[in-house]
Protein backbone atom coordinates (compact mmCIF):
# COMPACT_ATOMS: atom_id res chain seq x y z
CA MET A 1 0.10 0.26 0.30
CA SER A 2 1.43 3.58 -1.18
CA HIS A 3 -1.01 5.89 0.84
CA PRO A 4 2.01 7.84 3.01
CA ILE A 5 0.17 7.18 6.77
CA ILE A 6 0.98 3.96 5.58
CA LYS A 7 4.35 4.98 4.57
CA ASP A 8 4.69 6.32 7.92
CA LEU A 9 3.73 3.67 10.32
CA ASN A 10 5.73 1.00 8.09
CA SER A 11 8.76 3.31 8.32
CA ARG A 12 8.42 3.66 12.54
CA TYR A 13 10.31 1.56 14.78
CA THR A 14 11.83 1.53 18.43
CA ALA A 15 14.56 2.86 18.22
CA LYS A 16 17.32 1.17 20.30
CA LYS A 17 21.11 3.02 19.93
CA TYR A 18 20.65 7.01 18.96
CA ASP A 19 23.64 9.60 17.63
CA THR A 20 24.59 11.36 20.61
CA ASN A 21 26.12 14.11 18.44
CA LYS A 22 22.10 14.93 16.39
CA ARG A 23 19.37 17.01 17.81
CA ILE A 24 16.44 17.92 17.42
CA SER A 25 15.97 21.31 16.04
CA ALA A 26 13.96 23.83 17.66
CA GLU A 27 11.67 24.66 14.78
CA ASP A 28 10.57 20.79 14.96
CA MET A 29 10.69 20.80 18.40
CA GLU A 30 7.38 23.31 18.67
CA VAL A 31 6.12 21.03 15.81
CA ILE A 32 6.41 18.02 17.87
CA LYS A 33 4.79 20.09 21.21
CA GLU A 34 1.80 21.58 19.63
CA ALA A 35 1.11 17.89 18.49
CA LEU A 36 1.04 17.14 21.98
CA ARG A 37 -0.93 19.89 22.75
CA LEU A 38 -3.18 18.67 20.13
CA SER A 39 -3.96 15.50 21.01
CA ALA A 40 -7.39 13.96 21.70
CA SER A 41 -8.28 13.09 24.89
CA SER A 42 -11.93 11.39 26.64
CA ILE A 43 -14.69 14.68 27.35
CA ASN A 44 -11.49 16.66 25.71
CA SER A 45 -10.31 16.19 29.64
CA GLN A 46 -6.23 17.18 28.60
CA PRO A 47 -5.77 15.43 32.29
CA TRP A 48 -1.61 15.85 31.56
CA LYS A 49 1.42 17.34 31.49
CA PHE A 50 4.09 17.04 29.16
CA ILE A 51 8.01 17.36 30.35
CA VAL A 52 10.36 17.95 27.96
CA ILE A 53 13.82 17.22 28.84
CA GLU A 54 16.53 18.78 26.60
CA SER A 55 19.62 20.03 29.18
CA ASP A 56 22.12 18.00 29.93
CA GLU A 57 21.22 18.52 34.15
CA ALA A 58 17.99 17.41 33.20
CA LYS A 59 19.06 14.16 31.50
CA GLN A 60 21.45 13.59 34.37
CA ARG A 61 18.68 13.86 37.01
CA PHE A 62 16.53 11.52 34.33
CA HIS A 63 19.16 9.17 34.26
CA ASP A 64 19.52 9.09 37.71
CA THR A 65 16.02 7.47 38.07
CA PHE A 66 16.78 4.25 37.05
CA ALA A 67 19.15 3.59 39.93
CA ASN A 68 16.78 0.56 40.63
CA MET A 69 14.64 -0.64 37.90
CA HIS A 70 14.83 -0.41 33.98
CA GLN A 71 18.69 -0.19 33.35
CA PHE A 72 18.34 -1.13 30.00
CA ASN A 73 16.68 1.96 29.29
CA GLN A 74 18.74 4.14 30.74
CA PRO A 75 21.41 4.99 28.52
CA HIS A 76 18.80 6.64 26.49
CA ALA A 77 18.12 9.11 29.00
CA LYS A 78 21.69 10.64 27.53
CA GLU A 79 22.49 9.59 24.43
CA ALA A 80 18.49 10.54 22.93
CA SER A 81 18.87 14.22 21.47
CA HIS A 82 15.59 14.77 24.06
CA VAL A 83 12.83 12.88 26.50
CA ILE A 84 9.55 13.53 26.74
CA LEU A 85 8.05 12.63 30.21
CA PHE A 86 3.90 11.86 29.91
CA ALA A 87 2.48 12.89 33.04
CA HIS A 88 -1.33 12.44 34.06
CA ASN A 89 -3.57 14.09 37.28
CA PRO A 90 -4.58 11.19 39.71
CA ASN A 91 -7.00 13.20 40.96
CA TYR A 92 -8.51 15.06 38.31
CA THR A 93 -11.77 17.19 39.66
CA LYS A 94 -14.45 18.83 38.38
CA ASP A 95 -12.34 21.97 39.04
CA ASP A 96 -10.02 20.98 36.38
CA TYR A 97 -12.40 20.11 33.73
CA ARG A 98 -14.24 24.14 34.11
CA LYS A 99 -10.31 25.03 33.53
CA VAL A 100 -10.95 23.25 29.65
CA VAL A 101 -15.08 24.24 29.59
CA ASP A 102 -13.87 27.40 30.09
CA VAL A 103 -11.12 27.52 27.20
CA GLU A 104 -14.05 25.10 24.89
CA VAL A 105 -16.27 28.82 25.07
CA SER A 106 -13.66 31.26 25.12
CA SER A 107 -12.48 29.79 21.99
CA GLY A 108 -15.92 29.63 20.37
CA HIS A 109 -15.58 25.62 20.22
CA LEU A 110 -18.68 25.72 22.82
CA PRO A 111 -21.79 28.11 22.74
CA ALA A 112 -21.94 29.89 26.17
CA ASP A 113 -25.12 28.41 26.95
CA MET A 114 -24.10 25.25 27.03
CA TYR A 115 -21.55 25.90 29.69
CA ASP A 116 -23.39 24.15 32.15
CA ASN A 117 -24.41 21.07 30.27
CA MET A 118 -20.75 20.27 29.17
CA LEU A 119 -19.31 21.09 32.37
CA ASN A 120 -22.25 18.64 34.57
CA GLY A 121 -22.68 15.97 32.02
CA ALA A 122 -19.55 15.54 30.38
CA TYR A 123 -17.99 15.42 33.85
CA GLY A 124 -20.72 12.69 35.01
CA PHE A 125 -17.93 9.99 32.52
CA ALA A 126 -15.13 10.88 35.21
CA GLU A 127 -17.04 10.49 37.99
CA LEU A 128 -17.36 6.89 37.12
CA ASN A 129 -14.31 6.75 36.54
CA THR A 130 -13.19 8.06 40.08
CA ASP A 131 -13.05 6.20 43.20
CA GLU A 132 -14.54 7.30 46.81
CA SER A 133 -11.23 9.05 47.71
CA GLY A 134 -11.04 11.01 44.22
CA PHE A 135 -8.95 8.83 42.69
CA ASN A 136 -8.94 8.25 38.75
CA GLY A 137 -5.50 7.84 37.75
CA ASN A 138 -6.49 4.33 35.53
CA TRP A 139 -8.98 6.31 33.65
CA THR A 140 -6.15 10.03 33.36
CA LYS A 141 -3.37 7.50 32.51
CA ALA A 142 -5.24 5.93 29.44
CA GLN A 143 -5.87 9.64 28.14
CA THR A 144 -1.76 9.79 27.92
CA TYR A 145 -1.77 6.53 25.82
CA ILE A 146 -3.83 8.52 23.23
CA ALA A 147 -1.09 11.10 23.16
CA VAL A 148 1.74 8.70 22.99
CA GLY A 149 -0.12 7.67 19.86
CA ASN A 150 -0.18 10.97 18.55
CA ALA A 151 3.45 11.31 18.87
CA LEU A 152 4.72 8.18 17.44
CA HIS A 153 3.07 9.22 14.08
CA VAL A 154 4.46 12.98 14.44
CA LEU A 155 7.99 11.35 14.48
CA ALA A 156 7.13 8.58 12.06
CA ARG A 157 5.96 11.99 9.87
CA MET A 158 9.25 13.87 10.76
CA GLY A 159 11.72 11.27 10.71
CA ILE A 160 12.90 11.11 13.77
CA ALA A 161 13.41 8.08 15.73
CA SER A 162 11.57 7.08 19.24
CA THR A 163 11.66 4.66 21.84
CA PRO A 164 8.58 4.61 23.76
CA MET A 165 9.47 3.71 27.76
CA GLU A 166 6.78 2.14 29.84
CA GLY A 167 10.03 0.83 32.03
CA VAL A 168 10.76 3.85 34.18
CA ASP A 169 10.55 4.20 37.42
CA PRO A 170 7.51 6.17 38.39
CA LYS A 171 8.61 6.95 42.15
CA LEU A 172 12.00 8.11 41.43
CA ILE A 173 10.41 10.28 38.25
CA GLY A 174 8.10 11.79 41.22
CA GLN A 175 10.89 13.01 42.84
CA ALA A 176 13.31 13.74 40.41
CA PHE A 177 10.88 16.21 38.54
CA SER A 178 8.78 16.58 41.89
CA GLU A 179 8.18 20.71 40.70
CA GLN A 180 7.56 20.36 37.36
CA LEU A 181 5.45 17.21 37.77
CA ASN A 182 3.88 19.50 40.60
CA GLY A 183 1.65 16.17 42.07
CA TYR A 184 0.96 14.58 38.60
CA GLN A 185 2.27 11.01 38.07
CA CYS A 186 4.82 9.99 35.34
CA ASP A 187 4.65 6.27 34.00
CA PHE A 188 5.92 6.40 30.54
CA ALA A 189 8.71 8.00 28.95
CA LEU A 190 9.13 8.79 25.45
CA ALA A 191 13.14 9.27 24.13
CA ILE A 192 13.46 10.91 20.79
CA GLY A 193 16.29 11.58 18.42
CA TYR A 194 18.19 10.05 15.23
CA HIS A 195 19.61 6.49 15.65
CA LEU A 196 23.19 6.03 15.68
CA GLU A 197 24.41 4.53 11.98
CA GLY A 198 25.50 0.95 12.69
CA GLU A 199 24.65 0.38 15.88
CA ASP A 200 21.01 0.71 16.15
CA TYR A 201 20.02 -2.98 15.50
CA ASN A 202 16.56 -2.68 15.28
CA TYR A 203 16.97 0.13 12.35
CA GLY A 204 15.04 -0.85 8.76
CA LYS A 205 13.95 -4.21 9.57
CA PRO A 206 10.90 -5.14 8.26
CA LYS A 207 7.72 -5.14 10.31
CA ALA A 208 6.44 -7.88 12.28
CA ARG A 209 2.95 -7.70 12.49
CA LEU A 210 0.18 -10.35 12.44
CA ALA A 211 -2.30 -10.65 9.08
CA THR A 212 -5.00 -8.69 8.74
CA GLU A 213 -7.39 -11.26 9.10
CA ASP A 214 -6.23 -12.06 12.57
CA VAL A 215 -7.48 -8.40 14.32
CA ILE A 216 -9.64 -6.59 12.21
CA ALA A 217 -13.29 -8.29 11.91
CA VAL A 218 -15.65 -6.18 9.53
CA VAL A 219 -19.24 -6.82 10.13
C-alpha cells in the first residue's frame, strides 16, 4: 500500500541506539510540542503534562531515576536528543475540567449557553471512573496513551526516531521532577532523536505484524 500514512507507520520503529551528536532542531521541537497539545482525550479532559527533557542537567536527573530498575532504558536518558515525560493527574476534579470548558467557550468551540450542560454532563463520565478517595488515575493515565500514539505518528512523519518507555521508575521520577510534575504522575517516557548508524540493530528491519484477518473484523 502506497498511502503516506502507511509509509509513515512502516518506517516507524523503536530505536535502540541514538546518535549523541544529532539534535532535534528547535523548530521541529515546536511542532512536536504543539502536536502533543493537540492530542485527543476523553471528554477533552486533557489531564496531562508533558515534561520535555533537553538540558544536560535534566538528562542526568532522568538518568539517575534508573538506579533501581529498568536499566536497559537508562542509556536513552543521555544519548537521545530529548526525552518527553508523559504525566497524568491521578485526582482529576470538576474544577480541573472547568478550566477545559472555559477554553471551549472562549475559543468559540462551545456556545456559552451550553456551559453548564457540558460541565455537569460530560464530567459525569469522569465521575464514573473516580473512586471514593477521588482517585481516577487509571482513567487519566489511559488518556496519556492516546497522546503517545499521536506523538509516535508525528515523529515518524518527521523522520525522527523514538523509543517508548513504560520501563521507568515513577517513584524516582516523581522525586527528581517534583517541581515540574506538581502532583502529576509519570508512568511513561518517550526518548526521541536520531538513530546511531550501524549501531541501532532495530533500524530498517521489516515489520512483524499479525495478518489483517487476525486482528480486524468487518461486520
